[in-house]
C-alpha atoms as a PDB file:
ATOM      1  CA  MET A   1     -15.787  37.051   8.444  1.00  0.00           C
ATOM      2  CA  ALA A   2     -12.407  36.266   6.900  1.00  0.00           C
ATOM      3  CA  LYS A   3     -10.092  33.637   8.263  1.00  0.00           C
ATOM      4  CA  SER A   4      -6.826  34.746   9.764  1.00  0.00           C
ATOM      5  CA  PRO A   5      -3.816  33.639   7.668  1.00  0.00           C
ATOM      6  CA  ILE A   6      -1.936  32.833  10.872  1.00  0.00           C
ATOM      7  CA  MET A   7      -4.695  30.511  12.086  1.00  0.00           C
ATOM      8  CA  THR A   8      -5.000  28.834   8.692  1.00  0.00           C
ATOM      9  CA  GLY A   9      -1.217  28.260   8.614  1.00  0.00           C
ATOM     10  CA  CYS A  10      -1.237  26.738  12.121  1.00  0.00           C
ATOM     11  CA  LEU A  11      -4.081  24.400  11.230  1.00  0.00           C
ATOM     12  CA  THR A  12      -2.246  23.289   8.110  1.00  0.00           C
ATOM     13  CA  ILE A  13       0.887  22.549  10.139  1.00  0.00           C
ATOM     14  CA  ILE A  14      -1.065  20.628  12.788  1.00  0.00           C
ATOM     15  CA  LYS A  15      -2.894  18.660  10.092  1.00  0.00           C
ATOM     16  CA  SER A  16       0.414  17.778   8.380  1.00  0.00           C
ATOM     17  CA  ILE A  17       1.967  16.614  11.655  1.00  0.00           C
ATOM     18  CA  VAL A  18      -1.049  14.439  12.495  1.00  0.00           C
ATOM     19  CA  HIS A  19      -1.051  12.886   9.017  1.00  0.00           C
ATOM     20  CA  PHE A  20       2.676  12.219   9.232  1.00  0.00           C
ATOM     21  CA  VAL A  21       2.592  10.648  12.703  1.00  0.00           C
ATOM     22  CA  GLY A  22      -0.550   8.616  11.961  1.00  0.00           C
ATOM     23  CA  GLY A  23       0.690   7.465   8.558  1.00  0.00           C
ATOM     24  CA  TRP A  24       4.129   6.557   9.833  1.00  0.00           C
ATOM     25  CA  GLY A  25       2.677   4.664  12.810  1.00  0.00           C
ATOM     26  CA  ALA A  26       0.244   2.725  10.636  1.00  0.00           C
ATOM     27  CA  SER A  27       2.874   1.821   8.057  1.00  0.00           C
ATOM     28  CA  VAL A  28       5.365   0.634  10.678  1.00  0.00           C
ATOM     29  CA  LEU A  29       2.661  -1.404  12.436  1.00  0.00           C
ATOM     30  CA  VAL A  30       1.579  -3.146   9.220  1.00  0.00           C
ATOM     31  CA  ALA A  31       5.177  -3.859   8.211  1.00  0.00           C
ATOM     32  CA  TRP A  32       5.947  -5.195  11.703  1.00  0.00           C
ATOM     33  CA  VAL A  33       2.963  -7.572  11.682  1.00  0.00           C
ATOM     34  CA  GLY A  34       3.873  -9.014   8.280  1.00  0.00           C
ATOM     35  CA  LEU A  35       7.602  -9.275   8.911  1.00  0.00           C
ATOM     36  CA  PHE A  36       7.085 -10.794  12.361  1.00  0.00           C
ATOM     37  CA  ALA A  37       4.844 -13.511  10.877  1.00  0.00           C
ATOM     38  CA  LEU A  38       7.509 -14.277   8.286  1.00  0.00           C
ATOM     39  CA  TYR A  39      10.178 -14.333  11.006  1.00  0.00           C
ATOM     40  CA  LYS A  40       8.112 -16.837  13.019  1.00  0.00           C
ATOM     41  CA  TRP A  41       7.854 -18.994   9.882  1.00  0.00           C
ATOM     42  CA  TYR A  42      11.609 -18.770   9.364  1.00  0.00           C
ATOM     43  CA  VAL A  43      12.376 -19.740  12.976  1.00  0.00           C
ATOM     44  CA  THR A  44       9.766 -22.471  13.533  1.00  0.00           C
ATOM     45  CA  GLY A  45       9.084 -23.682   9.995  1.00  0.00           C
ATOM     46  CA  GLY A  46       5.351 -23.204  10.521  1.00  0.00           C
ATOM     47  CA  LEU A  47       2.721 -20.513  10.884  1.00  0.00           C
ATOM     48  CA  LEU A  48       0.404 -20.077  13.850  1.00  0.00           C
ATOM     49  CA  VAL A  49      -3.310 -20.121  12.977  1.00  0.00           C
ATOM     50  CA  TYR A  50      -6.482 -19.766  14.990  1.00  0.00           C
ATOM     51  CA  ALA A  51      -8.185 -23.179  15.205  1.00  0.00           C
ATOM     52  CA  GLY A  52     -11.433 -22.172  16.905  1.00  0.00           C
ATOM     53  CA  ARG A  53     -12.770 -22.648  20.401  1.00  0.00           C
ATOM     54  CA  GLY A  54     -12.372 -25.844  22.315  1.00  0.00           C
ATOM     55  CA  ILE A  55     -13.702 -27.212  25.563  1.00  0.00           C
ATOM     56  CA  ASN A  56     -14.793 -24.559  28.078  1.00  0.00           C
ATOM     57  CA  ASN A  57     -14.703 -21.919  25.334  1.00  0.00           C
ATOM     58  CA  ILE A  58     -10.890 -21.727  25.361  1.00  0.00           C
ATOM     59  CA  ARG A  59      -9.220 -20.461  22.205  1.00  0.00           C
ATOM     60  CA  GLN A  60      -7.092 -22.996  20.389  1.00  0.00           C
ATOM     61  CA  TYR A  61      -4.224 -22.293  18.031  1.00  0.00           C
ATOM     62  CA  GLN A  62      -2.368 -24.639  15.729  1.00  0.00           C
ATOM     63  CA  ILE A  63       0.992 -24.482  13.985  1.00  0.00           C
ATOM     64  CA  ILE A  64       0.617 -25.460  10.351  1.00  0.00           C
ATOM     65  CA  THR A  65       3.456 -26.398   8.036  1.00  0.00           C
ATOM     66  CA  TYR A  66       3.628 -27.216   4.363  1.00  0.00           C
ATOM     67  CA  GLU A  67       3.679 -30.934   5.198  1.00  0.00           C
ATOM     68  CA  THR A  68       0.587 -30.869   7.446  1.00  0.00           C
ATOM     69  CA  HIS A  69      -1.701 -28.430   5.576  1.00  0.00           C
ATOM     70  CA  PRO A  70      -0.214 -27.557   2.163  1.00  0.00           C
ATOM     71  CA  LEU A  71      -3.025 -25.356   0.796  1.00  0.00           C
ATOM     72  CA  GLY A  72      -3.689 -23.559   4.071  1.00  0.00           C
ATOM     73  CA  PHE A  73       0.017 -22.944   4.569  1.00  0.00           C
ATOM     74  CA  ILE A  74       0.491 -21.534   1.071  1.00  0.00           C
ATOM     75  CA  ALA A  75      -2.540 -19.263   1.460  1.00  0.00           C
ATOM     76  CA  LEU A  76      -1.456 -17.994   4.878  1.00  0.00           C
ATOM     77  CA  PHE A  77       2.131 -17.544   3.729  1.00  0.00           C
ATOM     78  CA  ALA A  78       0.916 -15.513   0.731  1.00  0.00           C
ATOM     79  CA  VAL A  79      -1.172 -13.321   3.043  1.00  0.00           C
ATOM     80  CA  CYS A  80       1.832 -12.738   5.332  1.00  0.00           C
ATOM     81  CA  VAL A  81       4.031 -11.813   2.376  1.00  0.00           C
ATOM     82  CA  MET A  82       1.397  -9.399   1.043  1.00  0.00           C
ATOM     83  CA  ILE A  83       0.961  -7.745   4.459  1.00  0.00           C
ATOM     84  CA  ALA A  84       4.743  -7.335   4.819  1.00  0.00           C
ATOM     85  CA  ALA A  85       5.062  -5.948   1.276  1.00  0.00           C
ATOM     86  CA  PHE A  86       2.166  -3.537   1.830  1.00  0.00           C
ATOM     87  CA  GLY A  87       3.689  -2.312   5.087  1.00  0.00           C
ATOM     88  CA  LEU A  88       7.097  -1.811   3.510  1.00  0.00           C
ATOM     89  CA  ALA A  89       5.483   0.029   0.580  1.00  0.00           C
ATOM     90  CA  LEU A  90       3.716   2.320   3.056  1.00  0.00           C
ATOM     91  CA  CYS A  91       7.032   2.981   4.824  1.00  0.00           C
ATOM     92  CA  ALA A  92       8.689   3.768   1.491  1.00  0.00           C
ATOM     93  CA  GLY A  93       5.821   6.116   0.626  1.00  0.00           C
ATOM     94  CA  GLN A  94       6.258   7.919   3.933  1.00  0.00           C
ATOM     95  CA  LEU A  95      10.002   8.252   3.340  1.00  0.00           C
ATOM     96  CA  LEU A  96       9.386   9.634  -0.163  1.00  0.00           C
ATOM     97  CA  ALA A  97       6.866  12.127   1.225  1.00  0.00           C
ATOM     98  CA  ILE A  98       9.442  13.263   3.783  1.00  0.00           C
ATOM     99  CA  ARG A  99      12.084  13.554   1.064  1.00  0.00           C
ATOM    100  CA  ARG A 100       9.708  15.530  -1.176  1.00  0.00           C
ATOM    101  CA  TRP A 101       8.912  17.881   1.716  1.00  0.00           C
ATOM    102  CA  TRP A 102      12.581  18.252   2.645  1.00  0.00           C
ATOM    103  CA  LEU A 103      13.691  19.051  -0.912  1.00  0.00           C
ATOM    104  CA  SER A 104      10.894  21.495  -1.676  1.00  0.00           C
ATOM    105  CA  LYS A 105      12.215  25.014  -1.541  1.00  0.00           C
ATOM    106  CA  PRO A 106       9.943  27.697  -0.146  1.00  0.00           C
ATOM    107  CA  LYS A 107       9.067  30.355  -2.667  1.00  0.00           C
ATOM    108  CA  SER A 108      10.278  33.730  -1.557  1.00  0.00           C
ATOM    109  CA  GLY A 109       8.260  36.849  -2.263  1.00  0.00           C
ATOM    110  CA  ARG A 110      11.336  38.834  -3.272  1.00  0.00           C
ATOM    111  CA  GLU A 111      12.627  38.558  -6.815  1.00  0.00           C
END
């Protein structure tokens, strides 16, 4: 049994829309997480890290700065920069994919 060209075209369109929405959402989320961590560093001068569980199993967080924990701060700062750069690269990739799609001219059957 042959597939209907109309059904195949609809599935392709639905698949493209899902990939676009999912890819755009993921790239914006990753960029937001990285840039927000860098913004918190810029505002407070430190980065918030998970410090384990304390008394009564309550989560504890700690703000680290370059003066208090130099190696940990540099490592965490590098991770935040890489996450932000990766997210922005994903956003740029999505924009280039949109541009490529927008500029592609459909081939007409008449010539």
